[in-house]
Amino acid sequence: FLFALQDAGVEVRDGQQVMLEARMLKSQDELTLLNMAAAMVDGVYQDIFEALKPGARENEIVALANKRLYEMGSDNVEAINAISGERCSPHPHNFTDRIIRPGDQAFFDIIMSFVGYRTCYYRTFSVGKATRPQLAAYKKAREWMDEAIALIKPGVGTDRIARAFPKASDIGFDSEMGAFGLNFCHGIGLGLHERPIISRLNSFDDPMELQAGMMFAVETYCPATDGVSAARIEEEVIVTPAGAQIITLFPADELPIANRY
């Protein structure tokens, strides 16, 4: 169709970049819908916290989350990552029928939409108990998260935010391209990955200033020294004149222990 129009002498231009630019700043109505979507996932994480125990399977947790999200009004559960035990490091983006065991670390990402507006919302748990390597990895992932969020306010350059994230070599990768998507920020709205994208891969060479009304997810990942566990945290934030407003509210300041012994 595009080529036929061009052959007919019609000038056709790519409007995608204009739309991405327009979608970077959210209206109050959009922010309300994004907040409602996040609230739904808050509730699902409470369900996961209660269901996460030895004998449960990753795919059973995914099924539970899907059921609850559709009951609450989601129009599309796009993907739910459920990763546990030895699958935590390196980090896949899927789920299996693996049986969860005592002492496992497990993390989840819930990607769904409410009236078209997306969530991207990670949480990490330990099952029954936590080991020292698990606690240390979580503490480091939280520190990186808090350092990045503390910088978020209008007028701050995205290169400053990117510097708060670890280098690829700090988490076992040879290049920033290889580590891309683990410690970074991405806009979220009608699309899962919108502007701005903030990372050590791109933000030093092409920085931009944050503006009030932006909405993006902040993600961190830290593998544990045991070689199998890892911590993954994600907060969705609104850029306000006063700084970052976090709208993902399931507790994540410390490592949650599900069904503690």
Protein backbone atom coordinates (compact mmCIF):
# COMPACT_ATOMS: atom_id res chain seq x y z
CA PHE A 1 0.00 0.00 0.00
CA LEU A 2 2.80 2.41 0.93
CA PHE A 3 4.73 1.70 -2.25
CA ALA A 4 1.56 1.98 -4.34
CA LEU A 5 0.93 5.46 -2.93
CA GLN A 6 4.50 6.46 -3.66
CA ASP A 7 4.21 5.10 -7.20
CA ALA A 8 1.08 7.21 -7.63
CA GLY A 9 3.06 10.30 -6.70
CA VAL A 10 1.71 10.66 -3.16
CA GLU A 11 4.28 11.92 -0.66
CA VAL A 12 4.21 9.61 2.38
CA ARG A 13 6.07 10.42 5.59
CA ASP A 14 6.77 8.37 8.72
CA GLY A 15 4.58 9.66 11.55
CA GLN A 16 5.90 7.25 14.18
CA GLN A 17 8.54 9.61 15.56
CA VAL A 18 5.98 12.41 15.92
CA MET A 19 3.63 10.08 17.79
CA LEU A 20 6.39 8.82 20.09
CA GLU A 21 7.32 12.41 20.90
CA ALA A 22 3.68 13.29 21.63
CA ARG A 23 3.22 10.24 23.87
CA MET A 24 6.27 11.06 26.00
CA LEU A 25 4.28 13.48 28.19
CA LYS A 26 1.14 12.02 29.75
CA SER A 27 -2.12 13.83 30.42
CA GLN A 28 -3.79 13.60 33.83
CA ASP A 29 -6.31 11.11 32.42
CA GLU A 30 -3.48 8.92 31.13
CA LEU A 31 -1.68 9.04 34.47
CA THR A 32 -4.91 8.04 36.21
CA LEU A 33 -5.27 4.97 33.98
CA LEU A 34 -1.62 4.03 34.47
CA ASN A 35 -2.07 4.34 38.23
CA MET A 36 -5.18 2.13 38.11
CA ALA A 37 -3.28 -0.47 36.09
CA ALA A 38 -0.46 -0.46 38.65
CA ALA A 39 -2.99 -0.85 41.48
CA MET A 40 -4.29 -4.03 39.86
CA VAL A 41 -0.79 -5.49 39.85
CA ASP A 42 -0.29 -4.41 43.48
CA GLY A 43 -3.17 -6.74 44.32
CA VAL A 44 -1.88 -9.60 42.19
CA TYR A 45 1.48 -9.46 43.95
CA GLN A 46 -0.33 -9.95 47.24
CA ASP A 47 -1.88 -13.10 45.74
CA ILE A 48 1.53 -14.27 44.50
CA PHE A 49 3.10 -13.57 47.91
CA GLU A 50 0.52 -15.84 49.55
CA ALA A 51 0.68 -18.60 46.89
CA LEU A 52 4.47 -18.74 46.58
CA LYS A 53 5.39 -21.87 48.52
CA PRO A 54 7.21 -25.18 47.93
CA GLY A 55 5.32 -27.41 45.51
CA ALA A 56 3.81 -24.62 43.45
CA ARG A 57 4.95 -24.40 39.84
CA GLU A 58 5.98 -21.30 37.94
CA ASN A 59 3.18 -21.81 35.42
CA GLU A 60 0.61 -22.17 38.21
CA ILE A 61 1.61 -18.76 39.58
CA VAL A 62 1.28 -17.33 36.06
CA ALA A 63 -2.20 -18.86 35.72
CA LEU A 64 -3.25 -17.40 39.07
CA ALA A 65 -2.02 -13.95 38.06
CA ASN A 66 -3.78 -14.10 34.68
CA LYS A 67 -7.07 -15.09 36.32
CA ARG A 68 -6.94 -12.30 38.88
CA LEU A 69 -5.95 -9.63 36.35
CA TYR A 70 -8.82 -10.47 34.03
CA GLU A 71 -11.21 -10.54 37.00
CA MET A 72 -10.09 -7.01 37.89
CA GLY A 73 -10.63 -5.71 34.36
CA SER A 74 -7.41 -6.12 32.41
CA ASP A 75 -8.05 -6.00 28.67
CA ASN A 76 -4.84 -7.85 27.79
CA VAL A 77 -2.38 -9.80 29.91
CA GLU A 78 0.51 -9.52 27.50
CA ALA A 79 3.14 -11.51 29.39
CA ILE A 80 4.06 -12.68 32.86
CA ASN A 81 7.62 -13.74 33.54
CA ALA A 82 8.05 -16.21 36.40
CA ILE A 83 11.64 -17.15 37.16
CA SER A 84 12.75 -19.19 40.17
CA GLY A 85 15.71 -21.00 41.67
CA GLU A 86 18.64 -21.72 39.39
CA ARG A 87 16.83 -20.01 36.48
CA CYS A 88 17.34 -16.56 38.05
CA SER A 89 20.88 -16.09 36.73
CA PRO A 90 21.36 -15.55 33.86
CA HIS A 91 17.99 -13.86 33.47
CA PRO A 92 15.44 -15.40 31.06
CA HIS A 93 12.11 -13.75 30.17
CA ASN A 94 9.65 -16.63 30.36
CA PHE A 95 8.11 -19.21 32.69
CA THR A 96 8.27 -23.01 32.93
CA ASP A 97 6.70 -25.85 34.90
CA ARG A 98 9.57 -25.80 37.40
CA ILE A 99 8.52 -26.75 40.94
CA ILE A 100 9.37 -24.07 43.50
CA ARG A 101 11.50 -25.27 46.42
CA PRO A 102 12.33 -24.01 49.93
CA GLY A 103 14.90 -21.22 49.87
CA ASP A 104 14.40 -20.39 46.19
CA GLN A 105 14.64 -16.84 45.04
CA ALA A 106 11.91 -16.00 42.53
CA PHE A 107 11.08 -12.90 40.54
CA PHE A 108 8.15 -11.94 38.35
CA ASP A 109 7.34 -9.31 35.75
CA ILE A 110 3.69 -8.50 35.09
CA ILE A 111 3.05 -6.88 31.71
CA MET A 112 -0.60 -6.16 31.05
CA SER A 113 -2.90 -3.34 29.99
CA PHE A 114 -5.95 -1.61 31.41
CA VAL A 115 -7.93 0.42 28.86
CA GLY A 116 -4.83 0.15 26.69
CA TYR A 117 -2.34 1.47 29.27
CA ARG A 118 0.49 -0.86 30.22
CA THR A 119 2.27 -2.06 33.30
CA CYS A 120 5.84 -3.33 33.54
CA TYR A 121 6.30 -4.28 37.16
CA TYR A 122 8.94 -6.63 38.64
CA ARG A 123 9.07 -7.98 42.15
CA THR A 124 11.46 -10.46 43.78
CA PHE A 125 10.74 -12.85 46.65
CA SER A 126 12.53 -15.56 48.59
CA VAL A 127 10.51 -18.65 49.48
CA GLY A 128 10.35 -19.54 53.17
CA LYS A 129 13.79 -18.18 53.99
CA ALA A 130 16.55 -16.10 52.42
CA THR A 131 20.28 -16.76 52.17
CA ARG A 132 23.00 -14.17 52.68
CA PRO A 133 23.82 -14.00 48.94
CA GLN A 134 20.13 -13.43 48.15
CA LEU A 135 19.84 -10.67 50.73
CA ALA A 136 23.05 -9.02 49.52
CA ALA A 137 21.96 -9.07 45.87
CA TYR A 138 18.59 -7.59 46.76
CA LYS A 139 20.19 -4.85 48.86
CA LYS A 140 22.44 -3.86 45.96
CA ALA A 141 19.57 -3.86 43.43
CA ARG A 142 17.56 -1.65 45.80
CA GLU A 143 20.48 0.74 46.28
CA TRP A 144 20.84 1.18 42.51
CA MET A 145 17.09 1.75 42.27
CA ASP A 146 17.00 4.33 45.05
CA GLU A 147 20.02 6.21 43.69
CA ALA A 148 18.38 6.52 40.27
CA ILE A 149 14.97 7.55 41.61
CA ALA A 150 16.52 10.19 43.89
CA LEU A 151 17.85 11.98 40.80
CA ILE A 152 14.55 12.06 38.91
CA LYS A 153 13.08 15.55 38.58
CA PRO A 154 12.42 18.05 35.79
CA GLY A 155 15.54 19.46 34.18
CA VAL A 156 17.84 16.58 35.10
CA GLY A 157 19.71 15.03 32.17
CA THR A 158 19.15 11.37 31.40
CA ASP A 159 22.93 10.89 31.40
CA ARG A 160 22.93 11.62 35.16
CA ILE A 161 20.29 8.94 35.73
CA ALA A 162 22.26 6.44 33.64
CA ARG A 163 25.36 6.96 35.79
CA ALA A 164 23.43 5.68 38.81
CA PHE A 165 23.19 2.25 37.18
CA PRO A 166 25.99 -0.33 37.39
CA LYS A 167 28.38 -0.93 34.53
CA ALA A 168 27.81 -4.08 32.49
CA SER A 169 30.96 -5.60 33.97
CA ASP A 170 29.54 -5.12 37.48
CA ILE A 171 26.82 -7.68 36.75
CA GLY A 172 28.92 -10.11 34.71
CA PHE A 173 28.46 -8.87 31.13
CA ASP A 174 31.13 -8.05 28.56
CA SER A 175 29.32 -5.09 26.99
CA GLU A 176 26.58 -2.56 27.63
CA MET A 177 24.69 -4.01 24.68
CA GLY A 178 24.77 -7.43 26.32
CA ALA A 179 23.49 -5.99 29.61
CA PHE A 180 20.90 -3.69 28.02
CA GLY A 181 17.43 -4.00 29.53
CA LEU A 182 18.54 -5.11 33.00
CA ASN A 183 19.44 -1.80 34.66
CA PHE A 184 17.68 1.01 32.81
CA CYS A 185 14.54 3.14 32.48
CA HIS A 186 11.91 3.03 29.75
CA GLY A 187 8.84 5.11 29.10
CA ILE A 188 5.53 3.31 29.48
CA GLY A 189 2.02 4.15 28.34
CA LEU A 190 0.09 2.82 25.37
CA GLY A 191 3.31 1.03 24.49
CA LEU A 192 5.47 -1.11 26.73
CA HIS A 193 8.67 0.68 25.75
CA GLU A 194 8.23 4.36 24.98
CA ARG A 195 10.42 7.43 25.38
CA PRO A 196 12.51 8.15 27.30
CA ILE A 197 14.94 5.21 27.22
CA ILE A 198 17.66 5.77 29.82
CA SER A 199 20.67 3.47 29.99
CA ARG A 200 24.44 3.37 29.97
CA LEU A 201 24.19 2.17 26.37
CA ASN A 202 22.58 5.28 24.87
CA SER A 203 22.15 8.12 27.36
CA PHE A 204 25.75 9.34 27.57
CA ASP A 205 25.90 10.01 23.82
CA ASP A 206 22.33 11.26 23.41
CA PRO A 207 21.07 12.77 26.69
CA MET A 208 17.80 14.64 27.12
CA GLU A 209 16.24 16.59 29.97
CA LEU A 210 13.43 15.11 32.04
CA GLN A 211 10.11 16.93 31.99
CA ALA A 212 7.15 16.92 34.37
CA GLY A 213 4.49 14.57 33.04
CA MET A 214 6.88 11.89 31.88
CA MET A 215 6.13 8.40 33.10
CA PHE A 216 8.64 5.60 33.02
CA ALA A 217 9.70 2.35 34.63
CA VAL A 218 13.01 2.05 36.50
CA GLU A 219 14.51 -1.46 36.45
CA THR A 220 17.44 -2.98 38.33
CA TYR A 221 18.96 -6.46 38.34
CA CYS A 222 21.74 -7.89 40.49
CA PRO A 223 22.96 -11.51 40.30
CA ALA A 224 23.88 -13.14 43.61
CA THR A 225 27.30 -14.50 44.50
CA ASP A 226 25.86 -18.04 44.80
CA GLY A 227 25.77 -18.22 40.99
CA VAL A 228 22.06 -19.01 40.70
CA SER A 229 19.98 -16.44 42.59
CA ALA A 230 19.33 -12.84 41.52
CA ALA A 231 17.27 -9.81 42.50
CA ARG A 232 15.05 -7.93 40.06
CA ILE A 233 13.11 -4.80 41.03
CA GLU A 234 11.03 -2.40 38.97
CA GLU A 235 9.23 0.77 39.97
CA GLU A 236 6.94 2.84 37.76
CA VAL A 237 7.41 6.56 38.41
CA ILE A 238 5.75 9.80 37.36
CA VAL A 239 8.01 12.83 36.97
CA THR A 240 6.39 15.64 38.99
CA PRO A 241 7.67 19.17 39.67
CA ALA A 242 8.77 17.90 43.11
CA GLY A 243 10.50 14.77 41.85
CA ALA A 244 9.57 11.12 41.29
CA GLN A 245 6.20 9.76 42.40
CA ILE A 246 6.30 5.95 42.66
CA ILE A 247 2.99 4.30 41.72
CA THR A 248 4.02 0.63 42.09
CA LEU A 249 3.21 0.10 45.74
CA PHE A 250 3.72 -3.57 46.63
CA PRO A 251 6.48 -3.34 49.29
CA ALA A 252 9.98 -3.68 47.86
CA ASP A 253 12.26 -1.73 50.20
CA GLU A 254 13.51 -5.03 51.62
CA LEU A 255 13.46 -8.57 50.21
CA PRO A 256 9.97 -10.05 50.83
CA ILE A 257 10.02 -13.57 52.29
CA ALA A 258 6.94 -15.48 51.13
CA ASN A 259 5.47 -17.96 53.63
CA ARG A 260 8.38 -17.51 56.04
CA TYR A 261 9.38 -20.57 58.11
